[in-house]
């Protein structure tokens, strides 16, 4: 039986005066996912998917789905 865990963040990058990003665009998702994986060492990841919405007029939202057994 496959299970799924989803992670989502609204990406609102902090920009410098010149419009260059001053922090990473993952907004901490990398650390959050790694922490979840570390706290669940008995699972086997079978598939990952990512999706992004928004953009031009709204902040982008990133969703990462991790399928596991």
N, C-alpha and C. Protein backbone atom coordinates (compact mmCIF):
# COMPACT_ATOMS: atom_id res chain seq x y z
N UNK A 1 0.84 -1.18 0.00
CA UNK A 1 0.00 0.00 0.00
C UNK A 1 0.89 1.25 0.00
N UNK A 2 0.62 2.15 -0.92
CA UNK A 2 1.38 3.40 -0.99
C UNK A 2 0.72 4.47 -0.13
N UNK A 3 1.55 5.24 0.51
CA UNK A 3 1.11 6.41 1.27
C UNK A 3 1.73 7.64 0.63
N UNK A 4 1.19 8.79 0.96
CA UNK A 4 1.76 10.03 0.41
C UNK A 4 1.88 11.07 1.52
N UNK A 5 2.97 11.80 1.48
CA UNK A 5 3.20 12.93 2.38
C UNK A 5 3.44 14.14 1.49
N UNK A 6 2.71 15.22 1.75
CA UNK A 6 2.87 16.42 0.94
C UNK A 6 3.46 17.55 1.78
N UNK A 7 4.28 18.34 1.14
CA UNK A 7 4.89 19.52 1.73
C UNK A 7 4.57 20.69 0.83
N UNK A 8 4.16 21.80 1.39
CA UNK A 8 3.83 22.97 0.58
C UNK A 8 4.31 24.26 1.22
N UNK A 9 4.76 25.17 0.40
CA UNK A 9 5.21 26.48 0.87
C UNK A 9 4.85 27.54 -0.16
N UNK A 10 4.49 28.70 0.32
CA UNK A 10 4.33 29.87 -0.55
C UNK A 10 5.71 30.50 -0.67
N UNK A 11 6.17 30.66 -1.89
CA UNK A 11 7.51 31.18 -2.13
C UNK A 11 7.46 32.69 -2.35
N UNK A 12 7.89 33.41 -1.36
CA UNK A 12 7.97 34.86 -1.45
C UNK A 12 9.42 35.22 -1.16
N UNK A 13 10.26 35.24 -2.20
CA UNK A 13 11.68 35.49 -1.96
C UNK A 13 11.94 36.92 -1.50
N UNK A 14 12.89 37.06 -0.59
CA UNK A 14 13.34 38.39 -0.18
C UNK A 14 14.35 38.86 -1.21
N UNK A 15 14.11 40.05 -1.74
CA UNK A 15 14.96 40.57 -2.80
C UNK A 15 15.82 41.72 -2.29
N UNK A 16 17.00 41.82 -2.86
CA UNK A 16 17.88 42.95 -2.55
C UNK A 16 17.39 44.18 -3.31
N UNK A 17 18.05 45.28 -3.12
CA UNK A 17 17.70 46.51 -3.83
C UNK A 17 17.71 46.32 -5.34
N UNK A 18 18.60 45.48 -5.85
CA UNK A 18 18.75 45.27 -7.29
C UNK A 18 17.87 44.15 -7.81
N UNK A 19 17.01 43.58 -6.98
CA UNK A 19 16.09 42.55 -7.44
C UNK A 19 16.66 41.14 -7.41
N UNK A 20 17.82 40.97 -6.80
CA UNK A 20 18.43 39.65 -6.70
C UNK A 20 17.99 39.00 -5.39
N UNK A 21 17.69 37.70 -5.44
CA UNK A 21 17.26 36.99 -4.24
C UNK A 21 18.38 36.95 -3.21
N UNK A 22 18.02 37.20 -1.94
CA UNK A 22 19.01 37.18 -0.87
C UNK A 22 18.89 35.93 0.00
N UNK A 23 17.96 35.05 -0.30
CA UNK A 23 17.86 33.78 0.40
C UNK A 23 17.45 32.71 -0.60
N UNK A 24 17.61 31.46 -0.21
CA UNK A 24 17.29 30.38 -1.14
C UNK A 24 15.79 30.33 -1.39
N UNK A 25 15.42 29.84 -2.55
CA UNK A 25 14.01 29.81 -2.94
C UNK A 25 13.24 28.65 -2.33
N UNK A 26 13.91 27.68 -1.69
CA UNK A 26 13.17 26.56 -1.13
C UNK A 26 12.48 26.92 0.19
N UNK A 27 12.82 28.07 0.77
CA UNK A 27 12.18 28.58 1.98
C UNK A 27 12.15 27.56 3.12
N UNK A 28 13.17 26.74 3.21
CA UNK A 28 13.27 25.77 4.29
C UNK A 28 12.65 24.42 4.00
N UNK A 29 12.09 24.23 2.81
CA UNK A 29 11.45 22.94 2.51
C UNK A 29 12.46 21.80 2.52
N UNK A 30 13.66 22.05 2.06
CA UNK A 30 14.70 21.02 2.03
C UNK A 30 14.94 20.47 3.44
N UNK A 31 15.11 21.35 4.41
CA UNK A 31 15.33 20.94 5.79
C UNK A 31 14.12 20.23 6.36
N UNK A 32 12.92 20.71 6.03
CA UNK A 32 11.69 20.09 6.52
C UNK A 32 11.54 18.66 6.00
N UNK A 33 11.81 18.47 4.72
CA UNK A 33 11.71 17.13 4.11
C UNK A 33 12.78 16.21 4.69
N UNK A 34 14.02 16.71 4.80
CA UNK A 34 15.09 15.88 5.36
C UNK A 34 14.80 15.49 6.80
N UNK A 35 14.23 16.39 7.57
CA UNK A 35 13.86 16.08 8.96
C UNK A 35 12.79 15.00 9.01
N UNK A 36 11.79 15.10 8.14
CA UNK A 36 10.73 14.09 8.10
C UNK A 36 11.30 12.73 7.71
N UNK A 37 12.19 12.72 6.71
CA UNK A 37 12.81 11.46 6.29
C UNK A 37 13.65 10.86 7.42
N UNK A 38 14.39 11.70 8.15
CA UNK A 38 15.22 11.22 9.25
C UNK A 38 14.38 10.65 10.39
N UNK A 39 13.19 11.22 10.61
CA UNK A 39 12.33 10.73 11.69
C UNK A 39 11.51 9.51 11.28
N UNK A 40 11.59 9.12 10.01
CA UNK A 40 10.88 7.93 9.50
C UNK A 40 11.86 7.05 8.73
N UNK A 41 12.85 6.46 9.41
CA UNK A 41 13.89 5.71 8.70
C UNK A 41 13.40 4.38 8.11
N UNK A 42 12.24 3.91 8.54
CA UNK A 42 11.75 2.60 8.09
C UNK A 42 10.93 2.67 6.79
N UNK A 43 10.73 3.85 6.23
CA UNK A 43 9.95 3.95 5.00
C UNK A 43 10.85 3.82 3.77
N UNK A 44 10.23 3.46 2.66
CA UNK A 44 10.91 3.40 1.37
C UNK A 44 10.22 4.38 0.44
N UNK A 45 10.94 5.38 -0.03
CA UNK A 45 10.38 6.36 -0.97
C UNK A 45 10.29 5.70 -2.33
N UNK A 46 9.08 5.71 -2.92
CA UNK A 46 8.87 5.07 -4.21
C UNK A 46 8.73 6.07 -5.35
N UNK A 47 8.33 7.29 -5.03
CA UNK A 47 8.11 8.29 -6.09
C UNK A 47 8.06 9.68 -5.46
N UNK A 48 8.52 10.66 -6.19
CA UNK A 48 8.38 12.06 -5.77
C UNK A 48 7.83 12.87 -6.93
N UNK A 49 7.01 13.84 -6.61
CA UNK A 49 6.44 14.74 -7.62
C UNK A 49 6.49 16.15 -7.06
N UNK A 50 6.63 17.11 -7.95
CA UNK A 50 6.57 18.51 -7.52
C UNK A 50 5.69 19.29 -8.48
N UNK A 51 5.06 20.31 -7.93
CA UNK A 51 4.17 21.16 -8.72
C UNK A 51 4.29 22.59 -8.21
N UNK A 52 4.13 23.54 -9.11
CA UNK A 52 4.20 24.94 -8.73
C UNK A 52 3.02 25.69 -9.36
N UNK A 53 2.40 26.56 -8.57
CA UNK A 53 1.29 27.36 -9.07
C UNK A 53 1.59 28.83 -8.79
N UNK A 54 0.79 29.69 -9.37
CA UNK A 54 0.96 31.13 -9.15
C UNK A 54 2.09 31.67 -10.01
N UNK A 55 2.60 32.81 -9.62
CA UNK A 55 3.73 33.36 -10.36
C UNK A 55 3.60 34.84 -10.61
N UNK A 56 3.15 35.22 -11.80
CA UNK A 56 3.20 36.61 -12.24
C UNK A 56 2.57 37.60 -11.27
N UNK A 57 1.32 37.40 -10.90
CA UNK A 57 0.62 38.38 -10.06
C UNK A 57 0.43 37.91 -8.63
N UNK A 58 0.68 36.63 -8.38
CA UNK A 58 0.53 36.08 -7.04
C UNK A 58 1.83 35.38 -6.66
N UNK A 59 2.10 35.24 -5.37
CA UNK A 59 3.28 34.48 -4.97
C UNK A 59 3.15 33.03 -5.45
N UNK A 60 4.25 32.45 -5.83
CA UNK A 60 4.24 31.06 -6.28
C UNK A 60 4.09 30.14 -5.07
N UNK A 61 3.41 29.00 -5.28
CA UNK A 61 3.28 27.98 -4.25
C UNK A 61 3.90 26.71 -4.79
N UNK A 62 4.80 26.14 -4.02
CA UNK A 62 5.47 24.90 -4.38
C UNK A 62 4.91 23.77 -3.53
N UNK A 63 4.52 22.68 -4.18
CA UNK A 63 4.02 21.49 -3.48
C UNK A 63 4.87 20.31 -3.90
N UNK A 64 5.40 19.59 -2.92
CA UNK A 64 6.18 18.39 -3.18
C UNK A 64 5.45 17.23 -2.53
N UNK A 65 5.18 16.19 -3.31
CA UNK A 65 4.53 14.97 -2.82
C UNK A 65 5.54 13.84 -2.81
N UNK A 66 5.64 13.16 -1.69
CA UNK A 66 6.54 12.02 -1.56
C UNK A 66 5.69 10.78 -1.33
N UNK A 67 5.75 9.85 -2.27
CA UNK A 67 5.02 8.59 -2.17
C UNK A 67 5.96 7.57 -1.54
N UNK A 68 5.45 6.82 -0.57
CA UNK A 68 6.31 5.89 0.15
C UNK A 68 5.53 4.66 0.61
N UNK A 69 6.31 3.64 1.01
CA UNK A 69 5.72 2.41 1.58
C UNK A 69 6.32 2.18 2.94
